Amino acid sequence: MKIKSNASPDEVSSPFFDSNKQFCYDIEKYLANKNGKVKGTYNAWSYQVYGKFNNPENWDIYYKKSTFSNSGDLLLSSKYQSLLELVEWETDKFSENTSNFRIRKRKFTDFLKLLFSKSFLKLEFDKKYVLDFKDSKPGFLGKLLANLEDLFNSGEVYEIIFSNGKLKIELRSDKHHFQILENLVDMQN
């Protein structure tokens, strides 16, 4: 495996170690099928994986999991642990001739923007998210949102930024979502 373990000998027998190892193996296998590159580390507490592939444009992917515990005991109840699981997908050339935008979860402080700005809207199909765009609504937005609908419904979308042809999607998820990524890659072709 190109993704290496940085676990202590005590961690290797943990079911969390096995789970994180399998997760990383699946990413490595996915990228190998796309002639991509991968590097990273994993242990019972965390993983951090960077990957890159071309199809035909460059895509960078990043998966990270961090488990923090005050006591150092991995088997403690989750109420004593903090967990971060994130996924980032990024490409440099997604679409041209469309305005920049940002989609994120709605905050209480967005109330006034929603009242007075025509370029700041709640998403029609999911009112928990807002769309902030500069000039006009992007042409490919409907197709993008349709491809990400399951992630919006599950609340896994953290932020989507489109700026100068560059698309970055950030999720809070413990899943790979390879099929959704494939759908996005297909949108480029």
C-alpha atoms as a PDB file:
ATOM      1  CA  MET A   1       0.000   0.000   0.000  1.00  0.00           C
ATOM      2  CA  LYS A   2       1.245   3.508  -0.819  1.00  0.00           C
ATOM      3  CA  ILE A   3      -0.747   4.954   2.071  1.00  0.00           C
ATOM      4  CA  LYS A   4       1.373   4.039   5.094  1.00  0.00           C
ATOM      5  CA  SER A   5       0.493   3.196   8.664  1.00  0.00           C
ATOM      6  CA  ASN A   6       1.940   5.433  11.344  1.00  0.00           C
ATOM      7  CA  ALA A   7       0.280   3.474  14.151  1.00  0.00           C
ATOM      8  CA  SER A   8       1.923   2.435  17.369  1.00  0.00           C
ATOM      9  CA  PRO A   9       2.152  -1.334  17.998  1.00  0.00           C
ATOM     10  CA  ASP A  10      -0.742  -1.084  20.484  1.00  0.00           C
ATOM     11  CA  GLU A  11      -3.074   0.365  17.841  1.00  0.00           C
ATOM     12  CA  VAL A  12      -2.647  -2.376  15.235  1.00  0.00           C
ATOM     13  CA  SER A  13      -5.060  -4.733  17.013  1.00  0.00           C
ATOM     14  CA  SER A  14      -7.808  -2.096  17.229  1.00  0.00           C
ATOM     15  CA  PRO A  15     -10.934  -2.480  15.059  1.00  0.00           C
ATOM     16  CA  PHE A  16     -10.640   1.272  14.380  1.00  0.00           C
ATOM     17  CA  PHE A  17      -7.203   0.672  12.870  1.00  0.00           C
ATOM     18  CA  ASP A  18      -8.660  -1.999  10.566  1.00  0.00           C
ATOM     19  CA  SER A  19     -11.535   0.287   9.566  1.00  0.00           C
ATOM     20  CA  ASN A  20      -9.232   3.202   8.743  1.00  0.00           C
ATOM     21  CA  LYS A  21      -6.845   0.889   6.863  1.00  0.00           C
ATOM     22  CA  GLN A  22      -9.726  -0.400   4.706  1.00  0.00           C
ATOM     23  CA  PHE A  23     -10.971   3.136   4.058  1.00  0.00           C
ATOM     24  CA  CYS A  24      -7.504   4.171   2.846  1.00  0.00           C
ATOM     25  CA  TYR A  25      -7.130   1.008   0.775  1.00  0.00           C
ATOM     26  CA  ASP A  26     -10.397   1.834  -1.022  1.00  0.00           C
ATOM     27  CA  ILE A  27      -9.115   5.322  -1.895  1.00  0.00           C
ATOM     28  CA  GLU A  28      -5.835   3.882  -3.133  1.00  0.00           C
ATOM     29  CA  LYS A  29      -7.673   1.324  -5.277  1.00  0.00           C
ATOM     30  CA  TYR A  30      -9.969   4.003  -6.736  1.00  0.00           C
ATOM     31  CA  LEU A  31      -7.033   6.199  -7.705  1.00  0.00           C
ATOM     32  CA  ALA A  32      -5.059   3.270  -9.114  1.00  0.00           C
ATOM     33  CA  ASN A  33      -7.985   2.547 -11.459  1.00  0.00           C
ATOM     34  CA  LYS A  34      -7.773   6.169 -12.653  1.00  0.00           C
ATOM     35  CA  ASN A  35      -3.957   6.103 -13.030  1.00  0.00           C
ATOM     36  CA  GLY A  36      -3.810   8.629 -10.223  1.00  0.00           C
ATOM     37  CA  LYS A  37      -1.328   9.337  -7.468  1.00  0.00           C
ATOM     38  CA  VAL A  38      -1.875   8.955  -3.757  1.00  0.00           C
ATOM     39  CA  LYS A  39      -0.004   9.470  -0.507  1.00  0.00           C
ATOM     40  CA  GLY A  40      -1.017   9.530   3.103  1.00  0.00           C
ATOM     41  CA  THR A  41      -0.984   7.946   6.529  1.00  0.00           C
ATOM     42  CA  TYR A  42      -3.432   6.226   8.851  1.00  0.00           C
ATOM     43  CA  ASN A  43      -3.672   4.774  12.337  1.00  0.00           C
ATOM     44  CA  ALA A  44      -6.456   3.839  14.749  1.00  0.00           C
ATOM     45  CA  TRP A  45      -7.249   7.481  15.470  1.00  0.00           C
ATOM     46  CA  SER A  46      -6.990   9.119  12.086  1.00  0.00           C
ATOM     47  CA  TYR A  47      -6.161   9.127   8.415  1.00  0.00           C
ATOM     48  CA  GLN A  48      -4.957  11.795   6.044  1.00  0.00           C
ATOM     49  CA  VAL A  49      -4.908  11.002   2.328  1.00  0.00           C
ATOM     50  CA  TYR A  50      -4.020  13.199  -0.655  1.00  0.00           C
ATOM     51  CA  GLY A  51      -4.769  12.046  -4.171  1.00  0.00           C
ATOM     52  CA  LYS A  52      -4.657  13.356  -7.709  1.00  0.00           C
ATOM     53  CA  PHE A  53      -5.950  12.126 -11.060  1.00  0.00           C
ATOM     54  CA  ASN A  54      -6.597  13.489 -14.558  1.00  0.00           C
ATOM     55  CA  ASN A  55      -9.802  12.840 -16.471  1.00  0.00           C
ATOM     56  CA  PRO A  56      -9.129  14.930 -18.618  1.00  0.00           C
ATOM     57  CA  GLU A  57      -8.663  17.787 -16.128  1.00  0.00           C
ATOM     58  CA  ASN A  58      -6.746  17.595 -12.854  1.00  0.00           C
ATOM     59  CA  TRP A  59      -8.703  16.608  -9.780  1.00  0.00           C
ATOM     60  CA  ASP A  60      -7.225  16.814  -6.276  1.00  0.00           C
ATOM     61  CA  ILE A  61      -8.917  14.857  -3.524  1.00  0.00           C
ATOM     62  CA  TYR A  62      -8.278  14.952   0.198  1.00  0.00           C
ATOM     63  CA  TYR A  63      -9.752  12.775   2.938  1.00  0.00           C
ATOM     64  CA  LYS A  64      -9.091  13.413   6.610  1.00  0.00           C
ATOM     65  CA  LYS A  65     -10.301  11.931   9.849  1.00  0.00           C
ATOM     66  CA  SER A  66      -9.095  13.083  13.257  1.00  0.00           C
ATOM     67  CA  THR A  67     -10.290  11.717  16.576  1.00  0.00           C
ATOM     68  CA  PHE A  68      -9.312  13.643  19.658  1.00  0.00           C
ATOM     69  CA  SER A  69      -9.819  12.310  23.180  1.00  0.00           C
ATOM     70  CA  ASN A  70      -8.982  13.991  26.463  1.00  0.00           C
ATOM     71  CA  SER A  71      -8.106  10.728  28.173  1.00  0.00           C
ATOM     72  CA  GLY A  72      -6.132   8.982  25.444  1.00  0.00           C
ATOM     73  CA  ASP A  73      -8.503   5.991  25.586  1.00  0.00           C
ATOM     74  CA  LEU A  74      -9.777   5.105  22.122  1.00  0.00           C
ATOM     75  CA  LEU A  75     -12.622   3.014  23.518  1.00  0.00           C
ATOM     76  CA  LEU A  76     -14.166   5.834  25.534  1.00  0.00           C
ATOM     77  CA  SER A  77     -17.684   6.927  24.821  1.00  0.00           C
ATOM     78  CA  SER A  78     -18.051   9.409  21.976  1.00  0.00           C
ATOM     79  CA  LYS A  79     -19.179  12.123  24.388  1.00  0.00           C
ATOM     80  CA  TYR A  80     -15.530  12.407  25.488  1.00  0.00           C
ATOM     81  CA  GLN A  81     -14.202  12.574  21.937  1.00  0.00           C
ATOM     82  CA  SER A  82     -14.106  15.171  19.187  1.00  0.00           C
ATOM     83  CA  LEU A  83     -14.255  13.940  15.628  1.00  0.00           C
ATOM     84  CA  LEU A  84     -13.454  15.648  12.348  1.00  0.00           C
ATOM     85  CA  GLU A  85     -14.168  13.831   9.097  1.00  0.00           C
ATOM     86  CA  LEU A  86     -13.752  15.836   5.949  1.00  0.00           C
ATOM     87  CA  VAL A  87     -13.588  15.327   2.223  1.00  0.00           C
ATOM     88  CA  GLU A  88     -12.341  17.897  -0.311  1.00  0.00           C
ATOM     89  CA  TRP A  89     -12.580  17.600  -4.081  1.00  0.00           C
ATOM     90  CA  GLU A  90     -11.013  20.295  -6.229  1.00  0.00           C
ATOM     91  CA  THR A  91     -10.475  20.910  -9.925  1.00  0.00           C
ATOM     92  CA  ASP A  92      -8.961  23.875 -11.752  1.00  0.00           C
ATOM     93  CA  LYS A  93     -11.020  23.904 -14.935  1.00  0.00           C
ATOM     94  CA  PHE A  94     -14.625  23.065 -14.276  1.00  0.00           C
ATOM     95  CA  SER A  95     -16.548  25.564 -16.328  1.00  0.00           C
ATOM     96  CA  GLU A  96     -15.817  28.801 -18.105  1.00  0.00           C
ATOM     97  CA  ASN A  97     -17.946  31.880 -18.707  1.00  0.00           C
ATOM     98  CA  THR A  98     -19.958  31.589 -15.547  1.00  0.00           C
ATOM     99  CA  SER A  99     -20.020  33.763 -12.459  1.00  0.00           C
ATOM    100  CA  ASN A 100     -18.347  32.931  -9.181  1.00  0.00           C
ATOM    101  CA  PHE A 101     -20.451  31.572  -6.326  1.00  0.00           C
ATOM    102  CA  ARG A 102     -20.374  30.041  -2.882  1.00  0.00           C
ATOM    103  CA  ILE A 103     -22.822  27.635  -1.254  1.00  0.00           C
ATOM    104  CA  ARG A 104     -22.733  26.979   2.476  1.00  0.00           C
ATOM    105  CA  LYS A 105     -24.965  26.173   5.402  1.00  0.00           C
ATOM    106  CA  ARG A 106     -27.144  29.049   6.481  1.00  0.00           C
ATOM    107  CA  LYS A 107     -26.210  31.034   9.595  1.00  0.00           C
ATOM    108  CA  PHE A 108     -28.483  33.100  11.794  1.00  0.00           C
ATOM    109  CA  THR A 109     -26.584  36.221  10.777  1.00  0.00           C
ATOM    110  CA  ASP A 110     -27.625  35.681   7.123  1.00  0.00           C
ATOM    111  CA  PHE A 111     -31.108  36.994   7.882  1.00  0.00           C
ATOM    112  CA  LEU A 112     -30.476  40.552   6.647  1.00  0.00           C
ATOM    113  CA  LYS A 113     -28.568  39.451   3.553  1.00  0.00           C
ATOM    114  CA  LEU A 114     -31.487  37.222   2.597  1.00  0.00           C
ATOM    115  CA  LEU A 115     -33.878  40.151   2.943  1.00  0.00           C
ATOM    116  CA  PHE A 116     -31.920  42.789   1.049  1.00  0.00           C
ATOM    117  CA  SER A 117     -29.575  41.101  -1.416  1.00  0.00           C
ATOM    118  CA  LYS A 118     -30.708  39.692  -4.743  1.00  0.00           C
ATOM    119  CA  SER A 119     -27.457  37.753  -5.095  1.00  0.00           C
ATOM    120  CA  PHE A 120     -27.842  35.930  -1.764  1.00  0.00           C
ATOM    121  CA  LEU A 121     -30.547  33.259  -1.768  1.00  0.00           C
ATOM    122  CA  LYS A 122     -31.708  30.170   0.060  1.00  0.00           C
ATOM    123  CA  LEU A 123     -31.390  27.090  -2.090  1.00  0.00           C
ATOM    124  CA  GLU A 124     -34.835  26.214  -3.370  1.00  0.00           C
ATOM    125  CA  PHE A 125     -34.668  22.503  -2.608  1.00  0.00           C
ATOM    126  CA  ASP A 126     -32.868  22.808   0.754  1.00  0.00           C
ATOM    127  CA  LYS A 127     -33.500  25.915   2.855  1.00  0.00           C
ATOM    128  CA  LYS A 128     -30.606  25.046   5.218  1.00  0.00           C
ATOM    129  CA  TYR A 129     -28.129  26.258   2.579  1.00  0.00           C
ATOM    130  CA  VAL A 130     -27.514  29.642   0.985  1.00  0.00           C
ATOM    131  CA  LEU A 131     -26.146  30.608  -2.413  1.00  0.00           C
ATOM    132  CA  ASP A 132     -24.026  33.728  -2.728  1.00  0.00           C
ATOM    133  CA  PHE A 133     -23.253  34.662  -6.336  1.00  0.00           C
ATOM    134  CA  LYS A 134     -21.610  37.689  -7.896  1.00  0.00           C
ATOM    135  CA  ASP A 135     -23.119  38.583 -11.258  1.00  0.00           C
ATOM    136  CA  SER A 136     -25.742  36.091 -12.333  1.00  0.00           C
ATOM    137  CA  LYS A 137     -26.721  32.578 -11.385  1.00  0.00           C
ATOM    138  CA  PRO A 138     -24.218  30.117 -12.864  1.00  0.00           C
ATOM    139  CA  GLY A 139     -25.540  28.172 -15.837  1.00  0.00           C
ATOM    140  CA  PHE A 140     -24.371  24.764 -14.673  1.00  0.00           C
ATOM    141  CA  LEU A 141     -25.649  25.242 -11.104  1.00  0.00           C
ATOM    142  CA  GLY A 142     -28.811  23.171 -11.589  1.00  0.00           C
ATOM    143  CA  LYS A 143     -26.867  20.163 -12.854  1.00  0.00           C
ATOM    144  CA  LEU A 144     -24.273  20.522 -10.087  1.00  0.00           C
ATOM    145  CA  LEU A 145     -26.941  20.658  -7.386  1.00  0.00           C
ATOM    146  CA  ALA A 146     -28.738  17.656  -8.873  1.00  0.00           C
ATOM    147  CA  ASN A 147     -25.512  15.616  -8.718  1.00  0.00           C
ATOM    148  CA  LEU A 148     -24.971  16.641  -5.092  1.00  0.00           C
ATOM    149  CA  GLU A 149     -28.607  16.329  -3.962  1.00  0.00           C
ATOM    150  CA  ASP A 150     -28.025  13.261  -1.774  1.00  0.00           C
ATOM    151  CA  LEU A 151     -25.186  15.060   0.012  1.00  0.00           C
ATOM    152  CA  PHE A 152     -27.366  18.100   0.628  1.00  0.00           C
ATOM    153  CA  ASN A 153     -30.178  15.890   1.951  1.00  0.00           C
ATOM    154  CA  SER A 154     -27.804  14.165   4.378  1.00  0.00           C
ATOM    155  CA  GLY A 155     -26.290  17.499   5.449  1.00  0.00           C
ATOM    156  CA  GLU A 156     -22.794  16.378   4.414  1.00  0.00           C
ATOM    157  CA  VAL A 157     -22.136  19.424   2.209  1.00  0.00           C
ATOM    158  CA  TYR A 158     -20.076  21.925   4.145  1.00  0.00           C
ATOM    159  CA  GLU A 159     -19.155  24.407   1.428  1.00  0.00           C
ATOM    160  CA  ILE A 160     -18.930  24.693  -2.343  1.00  0.00           C
ATOM    161  CA  ILE A 161     -16.834  27.441  -3.896  1.00  0.00           C
ATOM    162  CA  PHE A 162     -16.613  28.211  -7.587  1.00  0.00           C
ATOM    163  CA  SER A 163     -14.108  30.923  -8.438  1.00  0.00           C
ATOM    164  CA  ASN A 164     -12.552  31.718 -11.827  1.00  0.00           C
ATOM    165  CA  GLY A 165     -13.261  28.265 -13.251  1.00  0.00           C
ATOM    166  CA  LYS A 166     -12.003  26.447 -10.153  1.00  0.00           C
ATOM    167  CA  LEU A 167     -14.475  24.249  -8.240  1.00  0.00           C
ATOM    168  CA  LYS A 168     -13.889  23.181  -4.637  1.00  0.00           C
ATOM    169  CA  ILE A 169     -16.359  20.982  -2.761  1.00  0.00           C
ATOM    170  CA  GLU A 170     -15.885  20.385   0.950  1.00  0.00           C
ATOM    171  CA  LEU A 171     -17.899  17.758   2.793  1.00  0.00           C
ATOM    172  CA  ARG A 172     -18.153  16.593   6.374  1.00  0.00           C
ATOM    173  CA  SER A 173     -18.405  12.879   5.750  1.00  0.00           C
ATOM    174  CA  ASP A 174     -16.983   9.500   6.676  1.00  0.00           C
ATOM    175  CA  LYS A 175     -17.775   8.069   3.237  1.00  0.00           C
ATOM    176  CA  HIS A 176     -15.852   8.060  -0.046  1.00  0.00           C
ATOM    177  CA  HIS A 177     -18.749   9.084  -2.327  1.00  0.00           C
ATOM    178  CA  PHE A 178     -16.831   7.913  -5.393  1.00  0.00           C
ATOM    179  CA  GLN A 179     -19.967   7.659  -7.565  1.00  0.00           C
ATOM    180  CA  ILE A 180     -20.866  11.287  -6.885  1.00  0.00           C
ATOM    181  CA  LEU A 181     -17.296  12.313  -7.690  1.00  0.00           C
ATOM    182  CA  GLU A 182     -17.538  10.360 -10.953  1.00  0.00           C
ATOM    183  CA  ASN A 183     -20.744  12.235 -11.825  1.00  0.00           C
ATOM    184  CA  LEU A 184     -18.908  15.535 -11.311  1.00  0.00           C
ATOM    185  CA  VAL A 185     -16.010  14.394 -13.478  1.00  0.00           C
ATOM    186  CA  ASP A 186     -18.527  13.455 -16.187  1.00  0.00           C
ATOM    187  CA  MET A 187     -19.955  16.995 -16.051  1.00  0.00           C
ATOM    188  CA  GLN A 188     -16.573  18.281 -17.273  1.00  0.00           C
ATOM    189  CA  ASN A 189     -16.500  16.090 -20.366  1.00  0.00           C
END
